[in-house]
């Protein structure tokens, strides 16, 4: 339920209303928009007498919210969320490019890629230290060593880092990571999501391979219910009957999420199709659909990559894609901040 306050509502009247709502056992939060203030109510709202609320001098309107996700719901938070990470902003007109290799392999590799993607205009360095793989015989990542190498690349270039967590037992290792990624396979690892709700770092939440948008938003809700409201949604393709691509990019998810949620949305065209030839057109499609950023895999030698080489761009190919992205961003009136 949301309570929309009248413009210029006196602070003492608002505090009295909040106290009365709290007495009903409801959790309240006041969201201050450009022109309106909204009180969000979470809990058993059947106890609320709507007519009594409407009679309050400071109340303009009361609405029930039927969707199960509350904190992630645009009805509760009408203004777009902007997530600030260091000197970077994600959301509401600020466009983000996260790029780097699927897996961190060596110090030379990750530093070289970091230098090239930064020079091309990327804002963040992405790279996998812990890698969930379909086959138990595939390269699983360097683990804690991979995190150390990412931090060395950060020190060398100034790029902030995005990397995936797979297990609760590793959470202490992520103290210096700037954005923690939850991968598609962990989207409904609810114990992990609840723990990430207690940390103060932005969480990049990838959509599961076969999950609906509502299920995806409910996973975001798990994080936000713990107090961490800095969630970035990432569409990375879903599994369909199509076999010509690795997955199917659900580009419609971007404007749909923008309609129902205030959270930033980015697109991962590399995982979405597994084909380097489609990264540029899908990145442009993401911008046109209203995405707040893209995540692109880049490897200095894709043919020798230990994981996902087929979908990784070379640094030269990434330069070309970035030029195309910059032209479209200029046309759309969006801002790509320098790292």
C-alpha atoms as a PDB file:
ATOM      1  CA  UNK A   1       0.000   0.000   0.000  1.00  0.00           C
ATOM      2  CA  UNK A   2       1.154   3.556  -0.682  1.00  0.00           C
ATOM      3  CA  UNK A   3      -0.038   6.812   0.855  1.00  0.00           C
ATOM      4  CA  UNK A   4       0.441   9.867  -1.354  1.00  0.00           C
ATOM      5  CA  UNK A   5       0.845  13.048   0.669  1.00  0.00           C
ATOM      6  CA  UNK A   6      -0.361  16.489  -0.317  1.00  0.00           C
ATOM      7  CA  UNK A   7       2.248  18.922  -1.570  1.00  0.00           C
ATOM      8  CA  UNK A   8       3.674  20.955   1.304  1.00  0.00           C
ATOM      9  CA  UNK A   9       2.361  18.580   3.998  1.00  0.00           C
ATOM     10  CA  UNK A  10       3.522  19.862   7.451  1.00  0.00           C
ATOM     11  CA  UNK A  11       6.308  17.761   8.910  1.00  0.00           C
ATOM     12  CA  UNK A  12       4.656  17.357  12.337  1.00  0.00           C
ATOM     13  CA  UNK A  13       1.441  16.064  10.721  1.00  0.00           C
ATOM     14  CA  UNK A  14       3.451  13.589   8.635  1.00  0.00           C
ATOM     15  CA  UNK A  15       5.360  12.351  11.704  1.00  0.00           C
ATOM     16  CA  UNK A  16       2.069  11.862  13.575  1.00  0.00           C
ATOM     17  CA  UNK A  17       0.730   9.818  10.647  1.00  0.00           C
ATOM     18  CA  UNK A  18       3.901   7.715  10.515  1.00  0.00           C
ATOM     19  CA  UNK A  19       3.639   7.005  14.229  1.00  0.00           C
ATOM     20  CA  UNK A  20       0.028   5.855  13.886  1.00  0.00           C
ATOM     21  CA  UNK A  21       0.932   3.543  10.985  1.00  0.00           C
ATOM     22  CA  UNK A  22       3.869   2.095  12.898  1.00  0.00           C
ATOM     23  CA  UNK A  23       1.537   1.344  15.796  1.00  0.00           C
ATOM     24  CA  UNK A  24      -0.351  -0.955  13.400  1.00  0.00           C
ATOM     25  CA  UNK A  25       2.808  -3.046  13.018  1.00  0.00           C
ATOM     26  CA  UNK A  26       3.585  -1.741   9.534  1.00  0.00           C
ATOM     27  CA  UNK A  27       7.010  -0.901   8.168  1.00  0.00           C
ATOM     28  CA  UNK A  28       6.993   2.619   6.714  1.00  0.00           C
ATOM     29  CA  UNK A  29       9.329   4.480   4.411  1.00  0.00           C
ATOM     30  CA  UNK A  30       9.007   8.056   3.171  1.00  0.00           C
ATOM     31  CA  UNK A  31      10.069   8.651  -0.427  1.00  0.00           C
ATOM     32  CA  UNK A  32      10.513  12.269  -1.468  1.00  0.00           C
ATOM     33  CA  UNK A  33       9.958  12.833  -5.169  1.00  0.00           C
ATOM     34  CA  UNK A  34      10.343  16.008  -7.156  1.00  0.00           C
ATOM     35  CA  UNK A  35       6.787  17.132  -6.426  1.00  0.00           C
ATOM     36  CA  UNK A  36       5.275  14.535  -4.095  1.00  0.00           C
ATOM     37  CA  UNK A  37       6.028  12.626  -0.926  1.00  0.00           C
ATOM     38  CA  UNK A  38       4.946   9.001  -0.710  1.00  0.00           C
ATOM     39  CA  UNK A  39       4.731   6.760   2.339  1.00  0.00           C
ATOM     40  CA  UNK A  40       5.187   3.082   1.523  1.00  0.00           C
ATOM     41  CA  UNK A  41       3.555   0.534   3.822  1.00  0.00           C
ATOM     42  CA  UNK A  42       4.838  -3.029   4.034  1.00  0.00           C
ATOM     43  CA  UNK A  43       3.179  -5.617   6.222  1.00  0.00           C
ATOM     44  CA  UNK A  44      -0.392  -6.686   6.928  1.00  0.00           C
ATOM     45  CA  UNK A  45      -2.207  -3.727   5.368  1.00  0.00           C
ATOM     46  CA  UNK A  46      -5.626  -5.325   5.943  1.00  0.00           C
ATOM     47  CA  UNK A  47      -5.521  -3.523   9.298  1.00  0.00           C
ATOM     48  CA  UNK A  48      -5.510  -0.146   7.547  1.00  0.00           C
ATOM     49  CA  UNK A  49      -8.780   1.784   7.320  1.00  0.00           C
ATOM     50  CA  UNK A  50      -8.444   3.533   3.961  1.00  0.00           C
ATOM     51  CA  UNK A  51     -11.356   5.898   4.597  1.00  0.00           C
ATOM     52  CA  UNK A  52      -9.764   6.966   7.872  1.00  0.00           C
ATOM     53  CA  UNK A  53      -6.466   7.604   6.093  1.00  0.00           C
ATOM     54  CA  UNK A  54      -8.139   9.601   3.344  1.00  0.00           C
ATOM     55  CA  UNK A  55      -9.697  11.822   6.007  1.00  0.00           C
ATOM     56  CA  UNK A  56      -6.247  12.911   7.193  1.00  0.00           C
ATOM     57  CA  UNK A  57      -5.430  16.509   6.337  1.00  0.00           C
ATOM     58  CA  UNK A  58      -2.062  15.625   4.768  1.00  0.00           C
ATOM     59  CA  UNK A  59      -3.222  12.654   2.662  1.00  0.00           C
ATOM     60  CA  UNK A  60      -4.030  13.136  -1.016  1.00  0.00           C
ATOM     61  CA  UNK A  61      -4.633   9.505  -2.016  1.00  0.00           C
ATOM     62  CA  UNK A  62      -4.196   5.892  -0.881  1.00  0.00           C
ATOM     63  CA  UNK A  63      -3.523   2.987  -3.209  1.00  0.00           C
ATOM     64  CA  UNK A  64      -3.224  -0.725  -2.672  1.00  0.00           C
ATOM     65  CA  UNK A  65      -0.398  -2.467  -4.520  1.00  0.00           C
ATOM     66  CA  UNK A  66      -1.236  -5.959  -5.730  1.00  0.00           C
ATOM     67  CA  UNK A  67       2.217  -6.981  -6.963  1.00  0.00           C
ATOM     68  CA  UNK A  68       4.190  -9.146  -4.506  1.00  0.00           C
ATOM     69  CA  UNK A  69       7.337  -7.063  -4.971  1.00  0.00           C
ATOM     70  CA  UNK A  70       7.139  -3.836  -2.986  1.00  0.00           C
ATOM     71  CA  UNK A  71      10.566  -2.246  -2.512  1.00  0.00           C
ATOM     72  CA  UNK A  72      11.405  -2.784  -6.204  1.00  0.00           C
ATOM     73  CA  UNK A  73       8.019  -1.483  -7.356  1.00  0.00           C
ATOM     74  CA  UNK A  74       7.802   1.838  -9.187  1.00  0.00           C
ATOM     75  CA  UNK A  75       4.487   2.538  -7.447  1.00  0.00           C
ATOM     76  CA  UNK A  76       6.434   2.710  -4.177  1.00  0.00           C
ATOM     77  CA  UNK A  77       9.303   4.657  -5.693  1.00  0.00           C
ATOM     78  CA  UNK A  78       8.154   6.696  -8.731  1.00  0.00           C
ATOM     79  CA  UNK A  79      11.551   8.259  -9.467  1.00  0.00           C
ATOM     80  CA  UNK A  80      14.305   6.236 -11.145  1.00  0.00           C
ATOM     81  CA  UNK A  81      17.013   5.026  -8.801  1.00  0.00           C
ATOM     82  CA  UNK A  82      20.522   6.271  -9.534  1.00  0.00           C
ATOM     83  CA  UNK A  83      23.265   4.096  -8.061  1.00  0.00           C
ATOM     84  CA  UNK A  84      26.539   5.862  -7.328  1.00  0.00           C
ATOM     85  CA  UNK A  85      29.736   3.812  -7.330  1.00  0.00           C
ATOM     86  CA  UNK A  86      32.779   5.981  -6.711  1.00  0.00           C
ATOM     87  CA  UNK A  87      32.734   8.641  -9.426  1.00  0.00           C
ATOM     88  CA  UNK A  88      30.300   6.659 -11.582  1.00  0.00           C
ATOM     89  CA  UNK A  89      26.512   6.834 -11.760  1.00  0.00           C
ATOM     90  CA  UNK A  90      24.199   4.097 -13.043  1.00  0.00           C
ATOM     91  CA  UNK A  91      20.617   4.897 -14.075  1.00  0.00           C
ATOM     92  CA  UNK A  92      18.378   7.798 -15.147  1.00  0.00           C
ATOM     93  CA  UNK A  93      20.303   9.060 -18.165  1.00  0.00           C
ATOM     94  CA  UNK A  94      23.734   7.823 -17.114  1.00  0.00           C
ATOM     95  CA  UNK A  95      24.923   4.947 -19.286  1.00  0.00           C
ATOM     96  CA  UNK A  96      27.394   2.343 -18.038  1.00  0.00           C
ATOM     97  CA  UNK A  97      29.703   0.001 -19.943  1.00  0.00           C
ATOM     98  CA  UNK A  98      31.105  -2.942 -17.996  1.00  0.00           C
ATOM     99  CA  UNK A  99      33.641  -4.962 -19.929  1.00  0.00           C
ATOM    100  CA  UNK A 100      36.425  -7.463 -19.527  1.00  0.00           C
ATOM    101  CA  UNK A 101      37.115 -11.191 -19.835  1.00  0.00           C
ATOM    102  CA  UNK A 102      34.772 -13.963 -18.805  1.00  0.00           C
ATOM    103  CA  UNK A 103      37.536 -15.367 -16.587  1.00  0.00           C
ATOM    104  CA  UNK A 104      40.575 -13.824 -14.982  1.00  0.00           C
ATOM    105  CA  UNK A 105      43.521 -15.932 -16.138  1.00  0.00           C
ATOM    106  CA  UNK A 106      46.804 -14.085 -15.488  1.00  0.00           C
ATOM    107  CA  UNK A 107      47.901 -10.694 -14.217  1.00  0.00           C
ATOM    108  CA  UNK A 108      49.196  -9.735 -17.666  1.00  0.00           C
ATOM    109  CA  UNK A 109      45.917 -10.710 -19.312  1.00  0.00           C
ATOM    110  CA  UNK A 110      43.591  -8.830 -16.952  1.00  0.00           C
ATOM    111  CA  UNK A 111      45.738  -5.683 -16.786  1.00  0.00           C
ATOM    112  CA  UNK A 112      46.120  -5.565 -20.582  1.00  0.00           C
ATOM    113  CA  UNK A 113      42.366  -5.969 -21.122  1.00  0.00           C
ATOM    114  CA  UNK A 114      41.602  -3.391 -18.422  1.00  0.00           C
ATOM    115  CA  UNK A 115      43.870  -0.829 -20.067  1.00  0.00           C
ATOM    116  CA  UNK A 116      42.300  -1.397 -23.490  1.00  0.00           C
ATOM    117  CA  UNK A 117      38.660  -1.271 -22.375  1.00  0.00           C
ATOM    118  CA  UNK A 118      39.290   1.868 -20.321  1.00  0.00           C
ATOM    119  CA  UNK A 119      40.953   3.555 -23.288  1.00  0.00           C
ATOM    120  CA  UNK A 120      37.876   2.704 -25.384  1.00  0.00           C
ATOM    121  CA  UNK A 121      35.536   4.274 -22.818  1.00  0.00           C
ATOM    122  CA  UNK A 122      34.399   1.490 -20.474  1.00  0.00           C
ATOM    123  CA  UNK A 123      33.425   2.567 -16.941  1.00  0.00           C
ATOM    124  CA  UNK A 124      33.903  -0.739 -15.111  1.00  0.00           C
ATOM    125  CA  UNK A 125      36.108  -3.810 -15.415  1.00  0.00           C
ATOM    126  CA  UNK A 126      34.191  -7.087 -15.275  1.00  0.00           C
ATOM    127  CA  UNK A 127      35.950 -10.414 -14.825  1.00  0.00           C
ATOM    128  CA  UNK A 128      35.202 -13.781 -13.285  1.00  0.00           C
ATOM    129  CA  UNK A 129      37.279 -15.091 -10.384  1.00  0.00           C
ATOM    130  CA  UNK A 130      34.754 -17.763  -9.392  1.00  0.00           C
ATOM    131  CA  UNK A 131      33.138 -19.367 -12.446  1.00  0.00           C
ATOM    132  CA  UNK A 132      29.986 -21.524 -12.429  1.00  0.00           C
ATOM    133  CA  UNK A 133      30.336 -23.938 -15.337  1.00  0.00           C
ATOM    134  CA  UNK A 134      27.943 -26.508 -16.754  1.00  0.00           C
ATOM    135  CA  UNK A 135      30.672 -29.156 -16.887  1.00  0.00           C
ATOM    136  CA  UNK A 136      32.613 -30.070 -13.725  1.00  0.00           C
ATOM    137  CA  UNK A 137      35.662 -30.556 -15.960  1.00  0.00           C
ATOM    138  CA  UNK A 138      35.688 -26.997 -17.291  1.00  0.00           C
ATOM    139  CA  UNK A 139      37.862 -24.199 -15.880  1.00  0.00           C
ATOM    140  CA  UNK A 140      36.241 -23.012 -12.641  1.00  0.00           C
ATOM    141  CA  UNK A 141      38.208 -19.787 -12.211  1.00  0.00           C
ATOM    142  CA  UNK A 142      41.175 -18.801 -10.040  1.00  0.00           C
ATOM    143  CA  UNK A 143      39.061 -18.062  -6.974  1.00  0.00           C
ATOM    144  CA  UNK A 144      40.679 -15.791  -4.379  1.00  0.00           C
ATOM    145  CA  UNK A 145      43.758 -15.402  -6.592  1.00  0.00           C
ATOM    146  CA  UNK A 146      41.526 -14.100  -9.372  1.00  0.00           C
ATOM    147  CA  UNK A 147      40.110 -11.457  -7.025  1.00  0.00           C
ATOM    148  CA  UNK A 148      43.649 -10.349  -6.165  1.00  0.00           C
ATOM    149  CA  UNK A 149      44.456  -9.992  -9.866  1.00  0.00           C
ATOM    150  CA  UNK A 150      41.303  -7.939 -10.451  1.00  0.00           C
ATOM    151  CA  UNK A 151      42.381  -5.586  -7.663  1.00  0.00           C
ATOM    152  CA  UNK A 152      45.803  -5.250  -9.284  1.00  0.00           C
ATOM    153  CA  UNK A 153      44.115  -4.300 -12.558  1.00  0.00           C
ATOM    154  CA  UNK A 154      41.985  -1.787 -10.647  1.00  0.00           C
ATOM    155  CA  UNK A 155      45.104  -0.250  -9.128  1.00  0.00           C
ATOM    156  CA  UNK A 156      46.806  -0.089 -12.528  1.00  0.00           C
ATOM    157  CA  UNK A 157      43.879   1.520 -14.371  1.00  0.00           C
ATOM    158  CA  UNK A 158      41.546   3.077 -11.808  1.00  0.00           C
ATOM    159  CA  UNK A 159      38.618   1.037 -13.178  1.00  0.00           C
ATOM    160  CA  UNK A 160      36.210  -0.183 -10.529  1.00  0.00           C
ATOM    161  CA  UNK A 161      35.482  -3.887 -10.660  1.00  0.00           C
ATOM    162  CA  UNK A 162      32.427  -6.114 -11.053  1.00  0.00           C
ATOM    163  CA  UNK A 163      32.735  -9.806 -10.286  1.00  0.00           C
ATOM    164  CA  UNK A 164      30.503 -12.742  -9.404  1.00  0.00           C
ATOM    165  CA  UNK A 165      29.985 -14.325  -6.000  1.00  0.00           C
ATOM    166  CA  UNK A 166      28.924 -17.957  -5.920  1.00  0.00           C
ATOM    167  CA  UNK A 167      28.865 -18.900  -2.259  1.00  0.00           C
ATOM    168  CA  UNK A 168      28.125 -17.345   1.119  1.00  0.00           C
ATOM    169  CA  UNK A 169      31.396 -18.702   2.452  1.00  0.00           C
ATOM    170  CA  UNK A 170      33.321 -16.384   0.092  1.00  0.00           C
ATOM    171  CA  UNK A 171      31.587 -13.143   1.051  1.00  0.00           C
ATOM    172  CA  UNK A 172      34.492 -11.837   3.165  1.00  0.00           C
ATOM    173  CA  UNK A 173      36.754 -12.057   0.101  1.00  0.00           C
ATOM    174  CA  UNK A 174      34.599  -9.436  -1.656  1.00  0.00           C
ATOM    175  CA  UNK A 175      35.370  -6.601   0.773  1.00  0.00           C
ATOM    176  CA  UNK A 176      37.214  -4.582  -1.898  1.00  0.00           C
ATOM    177  CA  UNK A 177      34.937  -5.444  -4.835  1.00  0.00           C
ATOM    178  CA  UNK A 178      32.924  -2.446  -6.062  1.00  0.00           C
ATOM    179  CA  UNK A 179      29.870  -4.268  -7.472  1.00  0.00           C
ATOM    180  CA  UNK A 180      29.009  -7.846  -6.533  1.00  0.00           C
ATOM    181  CA  UNK A 181      27.400  -9.850  -9.319  1.00  0.00           C
ATOM    182  CA  UNK A 182      24.844 -12.582  -8.703  1.00  0.00           C
ATOM    183  CA  UNK A 183      24.883 -14.914 -11.692  1.00  0.00           C
ATOM    184  CA  UNK A 184      21.917 -16.448 -13.490  1.00  0.00           C
ATOM    185  CA  UNK A 185      22.289 -19.783 -11.715  1.00  0.00           C
ATOM    186  CA  UNK A 186      22.195 -18.095  -8.300  1.00  0.00           C
ATOM    187  CA  UNK A 187      19.279 -15.761  -8.993  1.00  0.00           C
ATOM    188  CA  UNK A 188      17.100 -17.819  -6.649  1.00  0.00           C
ATOM    189  CA  UNK A 189      19.774 -18.687  -4.100  1.00  0.00           C
ATOM    190  CA  UNK A 190      17.675 -17.004  -1.430  1.00  0.00           C
ATOM    191  CA  UNK A 191      20.118 -17.465   1.446  1.00  0.00           C
ATOM    192  CA  UNK A 192      22.797 -15.706  -0.607  1.00  0.00           C
ATOM    193  CA  UNK A 193      20.375 -12.937  -1.602  1.00  0.00           C
ATOM    194  CA  UNK A 194      19.354 -12.362   2.022  1.00  0.00           C
ATOM    195  CA  UNK A 195      22.984 -12.043   3.085  1.00  0.00           C
ATOM    196  CA  UNK A 196      23.721  -9.589   0.283  1.00  0.00           C
ATOM    197  CA  UNK A 197      20.784  -7.559   1.574  1.00  0.00           C
ATOM    198  CA  UNK A 198      22.861  -6.783   4.662  1.00  0.00           C
ATOM    199  CA  UNK A 199      25.942  -5.517   2.811  1.00  0.00           C
ATOM    200  CA  UNK A 200      26.502  -1.956   1.617  1.00  0.00           C
ATOM    201  CA  UNK A 201      27.659  -2.753  -1.904  1.00  0.00           C
ATOM    202  CA  UNK A 202      25.688  -2.496  -5.147  1.00  0.00           C
ATOM    203  CA  UNK A 203      24.445  -5.874  -6.369  1.00  0.00           C
ATOM    204  CA  UNK A 204      24.193  -6.703 -10.069  1.00  0.00           C
ATOM    205  CA  UNK A 205      21.435  -9.308 -10.326  1.00  0.00           C
ATOM    206  CA  UNK A 206      21.374 -11.384 -13.499  1.00  0.00           C
ATOM    207  CA  UNK A 207      18.140 -12.935 -14.690  1.00  0.00           C
ATOM    208  CA  UNK A 208      17.876 -16.711 -14.424  1.00  0.00           C
ATOM    209  CA  UNK A 209      17.960 -18.831 -17.564  1.00  0.00           C
ATOM    210  CA  UNK A 210      14.236 -19.631 -17.405  1.00  0.00           C
ATOM    211  CA  UNK A 211      12.804 -17.147 -14.926  1.00  0.00           C
ATOM    212  CA  UNK A 212       9.928 -14.758 -15.393  1.00  0.00           C
ATOM    213  CA  UNK A 213      10.338 -11.019 -14.878  1.00  0.00           C
ATOM    214  CA  UNK A 214       8.236 -11.203 -11.710  1.00  0.00           C
ATOM    215  CA  UNK A 215      10.451 -13.968 -10.275  1.00  0.00           C
ATOM    216  CA  UNK A 216      13.488 -11.845 -11.120  1.00  0.00           C
ATOM    217  CA  UNK A 217      11.982  -8.845  -9.328  1.00  0.00           C
ATOM    218  CA  UNK A 218      11.159 -11.021  -6.317  1.00  0.00           C
ATOM    219  CA  UNK A 219      14.850 -11.953  -6.130  1.00  0.00           C
ATOM    220  CA  UNK A 220      15.669  -8.242  -6.112  1.00  0.00           C
ATOM    221  CA  UNK A 221      13.080  -7.898  -3.345  1.00  0.00           C
ATOM    222  CA  UNK A 222      14.999 -10.405  -1.203  1.00  0.00           C
ATOM    223  CA  UNK A 223      18.069  -8.159  -1.373  1.00  0.00           C
ATOM    224  CA  UNK A 224      16.155  -4.922  -0.832  1.00  0.00           C
ATOM    225  CA  UNK A 225      14.125  -6.334   2.068  1.00  0.00           C
ATOM    226  CA  UNK A 226      17.420  -6.706   3.944  1.00  0.00           C
ATOM    227  CA  UNK A 227      18.121  -2.992   3.596  1.00  0.00           C
ATOM    228  CA  UNK A 228      20.354  -2.920   0.521  1.00  0.00           C
ATOM    229  CA  UNK A 229      18.456  -0.911  -2.099  1.00  0.00           C
ATOM    230  CA  UNK A 230      21.365  -0.668  -4.556  1.00  0.00           C
ATOM    231  CA  UNK A 231      20.288  -3.365  -7.011  1.00  0.00           C
ATOM    232  CA  UNK A 232      21.064  -3.364 -10.744  1.00  0.00           C
ATOM    233  CA  UNK A 233      19.011  -5.697 -12.934  1.00  0.00           C
ATOM    234  CA  UNK A 234      20.866  -7.455 -15.767  1.00  0.00           C
ATOM    235  CA  UNK A 235      19.071  -9.104 -18.699  1.00  0.00           C
ATOM    236  CA  UNK A 236      21.442 -11.770 -20.067  1.00  0.00           C
ATOM    237  CA  UNK A 237      19.173 -13.834 -22.274  1.00  0.00           C
ATOM    238  CA  UNK A 238      16.783 -16.658 -21.450  1.00  0.00           C
ATOM    239  CA  UNK A 239      16.556 -20.247 -22.636  1.00  0.00           C
ATOM    240  CA  UNK A 240      14.091 -20.815 -25.477  1.00  0.00           C
ATOM    241  CA  UNK A 241      13.678 -23.379 -28.254  1.00  0.00           C
ATOM    242  CA  UNK A 242      15.954 -21.319 -30.563  1.00  0.00           C
ATOM    243  CA  UNK A 243      19.257 -23.075 -31.338  1.00  0.00           C
ATOM    244  CA  UNK A 244      21.044 -20.523 -33.541  1.00  0.00           C
ATOM    245  CA  UNK A 245      22.025 -18.495 -30.479  1.00  0.00           C
ATOM    246  CA  UNK A 246      23.241 -19.547 -27.044  1.00  0.00           C
ATOM    247  CA  UNK A 247      20.244 -17.863 -25.399  1.00  0.00           C
ATOM    248  CA  UNK A 248      17.518 -15.480 -26.552  1.00  0.00           C
ATOM    249  CA  UNK A 249      17.883 -11.835 -25.539  1.00  0.00           C
ATOM    250  CA  UNK A 250      14.542 -10.683 -24.115  1.00  0.00           C
ATOM    251  CA  UNK A 251      14.868  -7.047 -25.171  1.00  0.00           C
ATOM    252  CA  UNK A 252      11.246  -6.441 -24.149  1.00  0.00           C
ATOM    253  CA  UNK A 253      12.325  -7.014 -20.530  1.00  0.00           C
ATOM    254  CA  UNK A 254      14.080  -3.628 -20.536  1.00  0.00           C
ATOM    255  CA  UNK A 255      11.056  -1.348 -21.147  1.00  0.00           C
ATOM    256  CA  UNK A 256       8.830  -3.673 -19.107  1.00  0.00           C
ATOM    257  CA  UNK A 257      11.138  -3.378 -16.100  1.00  0.00           C
ATOM    258  CA  UNK A 258      11.263   0.378 -16.593  1.00  0.00           C
ATOM    259  CA  UNK A 259       7.461   0.456 -16.392  1.00  0.00           C
ATOM    260  CA  UNK A 260       7.081  -1.594 -13.225  1.00  0.00           C
ATOM    261  CA  UNK A 261      10.328  -0.907 -11.360  1.00  0.00           C
ATOM    262  CA  UNK A 262      12.611   2.029 -10.560  1.00  0.00           C
ATOM    263  CA  UNK A 263      15.820  -0.042 -10.575  1.00  0.00           C
ATOM    264  CA  UNK A 264      18.544   0.433 -13.222  1.00  0.00           C
ATOM    265  CA  UNK A 265      18.585  -2.165 -16.017  1.00  0.00           C
ATOM    266  CA  UNK A 266      21.600  -3.254 -18.033  1.00  0.00           C
ATOM    267  CA  UNK A 267      21.923  -5.797 -20.860  1.00  0.00           C
ATOM    268  CA  UNK A 268      24.574  -8.474 -21.409  1.00  0.00           C
ATOM    269  CA  UNK A 269      24.634  -9.088 -25.199  1.00  0.00           C
ATOM    270  CA  UNK A 270      27.636 -11.432 -24.939  1.00  0.00           C
ATOM    271  CA  UNK A 271      25.909 -14.115 -22.843  1.00  0.00           C
ATOM    272  CA  UNK A 272      22.583 -13.447 -24.535  1.00  0.00           C
ATOM    273  CA  UNK A 273      23.637 -14.937 -27.866  1.00  0.00           C
ATOM    274  CA  UNK A 274      27.177 -16.281 -27.528  1.00  0.00           C
ATOM    275  CA  UNK A 275      28.051 -14.667 -30.881  1.00  0.00           C
ATOM    276  CA  UNK A 276      30.466 -11.753 -31.209  1.00  0.00           C
ATOM    277  CA  UNK A 277      28.804 -10.631 -34.462  1.00  0.00           C
ATOM    278  CA  UNK A 278      25.606  -9.807 -32.551  1.00  0.00           C
ATOM    279  CA  UNK A 279      27.175  -7.781 -29.720  1.00  0.00           C
ATOM    280  CA  UNK A 280      27.123  -4.463 -31.600  1.00  0.00           C
ATOM    281  CA  UNK A 281      23.515  -4.600 -32.882  1.00  0.00           C
ATOM    282  CA  UNK A 282      22.206  -5.868 -29.550  1.00  0.00           C
ATOM    283  CA  UNK A 283      24.092  -3.152 -27.649  1.00  0.00           C
ATOM    284  CA  UNK A 284      22.421  -0.566 -29.882  1.00  0.00           C
ATOM    285  CA  UNK A 285      19.061  -2.285 -29.365  1.00  0.00           C
ATOM    286  CA  UNK A 286      19.608  -2.124 -25.595  1.00  0.00           C
ATOM    287  CA  UNK A 287      20.193   1.633 -25.753  1.00  0.00           C
ATOM    288  CA  UNK A 288      17.116   2.148 -27.928  1.00  0.00           C
ATOM    289  CA  UNK A 289      15.020   0.071 -25.499  1.00  0.00           C
ATOM    290  CA  UNK A 290      16.040   2.308 -22.598  1.00  0.00           C
ATOM    291  CA  UNK A 291      18.763   0.254 -20.905  1.00  0.00           C
ATOM    292  CA  UNK A 292      21.097   1.971 -18.440  1.00  0.00           C
ATOM    293  CA  UNK A 293      24.171   0.067 -19.592  1.00  0.00           C
ATOM    294  CA  UNK A 294      25.698  -2.991 -21.218  1.00  0.00           C
ATOM    295  CA  UNK A 295      28.088  -5.701 -20.071  1.00  0.00           C
ATOM    296  CA  UNK A 296      30.431  -6.899 -22.822  1.00  0.00           C
ATOM    297  CA  UNK A 297      33.039  -9.639 -22.727  1.00  0.00           C
ATOM    298  CA  UNK A 298      36.482  -8.697 -24.053  1.00  0.00           C
ATOM    299  CA  UNK A 299      39.564 -10.940 -24.187  1.00  0.00           C
ATOM    300  CA  UNK A 300      43.002 -10.104 -25.567  1.00  0.00           C
ATOM    301  CA  UNK A 301      43.105 -13.492 -27.332  1.00  0.00           C
ATOM    302  CA  UNK A 302      39.630 -15.079 -27.516  1.00  0.00           C
ATOM    303  CA  UNK A 303      40.842 -18.181 -29.350  1.00  0.00           C
ATOM    304  CA  UNK A 304      42.920 -19.103 -26.276  1.00  0.00           C
ATOM    305  CA  UNK A 305      40.419 -18.017 -23.614  1.00  0.00           C
ATOM    306  CA  UNK A 306      39.821 -20.533 -20.825  1.00  0.00           C
ATOM    307  CA  UNK A 307      36.076 -19.840 -20.932  1.00  0.00           C
ATOM    308  CA  UNK A 308      33.564 -18.353 -23.389  1.00  0.00           C
ATOM    309  CA  UNK A 309      36.091 -17.331 -26.028  1.00  0.00           C
ATOM    310  CA  UNK A 310      33.499 -17.632 -28.801  1.00  0.00           C
ATOM    311  CA  UNK A 311      31.475 -14.738 -27.420  1.00  0.00           C
ATOM    312  CA  UNK A 312      34.397 -12.497 -26.445  1.00  0.00           C
ATOM    313  CA  UNK A 313      35.420  -9.491 -28.518  1.00  0.00           C
ATOM    314  CA  UNK A 314      39.039  -8.658 -29.194  1.00  0.00           C
ATOM    315  CA  UNK A 315      40.127  -5.217 -27.912  1.00  0.00           C
ATOM    316  CA  UNK A 316      40.062  -3.917 -31.496  1.00  0.00           C
ATOM    317  CA  UNK A 317      36.515  -5.200 -31.995  1.00  0.00           C
ATOM    318  CA  UNK A 318      35.518  -3.586 -28.703  1.00  0.00           C
ATOM    319  CA  UNK A 319      36.924  -0.257 -29.906  1.00  0.00           C
ATOM    320  CA  UNK A 320      34.604  -0.487 -32.894  1.00  0.00           C
ATOM    321  CA  UNK A 321      31.568  -1.381 -30.771  1.00  0.00           C
ATOM    322  CA  UNK A 322      32.288   1.493 -28.378  1.00  0.00           C
ATOM    323  CA  UNK A 323      32.384   4.016 -31.220  1.00  0.00           C
ATOM    324  CA  UNK A 324      28.952   2.815 -32.297  1.00  0.00           C
ATOM    325  CA  UNK A 325      27.656   2.964 -28.702  1.00  0.00           C
ATOM    326  CA  UNK A 326      28.959   6.515 -28.227  1.00  0.00           C
ATOM    327  CA  UNK A 327      27.251   7.726 -31.417  1.00  0.00           C
ATOM    328  CA  UNK A 328      23.916   6.247 -30.360  1.00  0.00           C
ATOM    329  CA  UNK A 329      24.218   7.599 -26.808  1.00  0.00           C
ATOM    330  CA  UNK A 330      24.798  11.072 -28.230  1.00  0.00           C
ATOM    331  CA  UNK A 331      21.676  10.657 -30.360  1.00  0.00           C
ATOM    332  CA  UNK A 332      19.654   9.440 -27.355  1.00  0.00           C
ATOM    333  CA  UNK A 333      20.942  12.220 -25.103  1.00  0.00           C
ATOM    334  CA  UNK A 334      22.493   9.868 -22.551  1.00  0.00           C
ATOM    335  CA  UNK A 335      25.773  10.387 -20.705  1.00  0.00           C
ATOM    336  CA  UNK A 336      28.733   7.997 -20.634  1.00  0.00           C
ATOM    337  CA  UNK A 337      30.933   9.124 -17.748  1.00  0.00           C
ATOM    338  CA  UNK A 338      34.686   8.772 -18.013  1.00  0.00           C
ATOM    339  CA  UNK A 339      36.310   6.251 -15.684  1.00  0.00           C
END
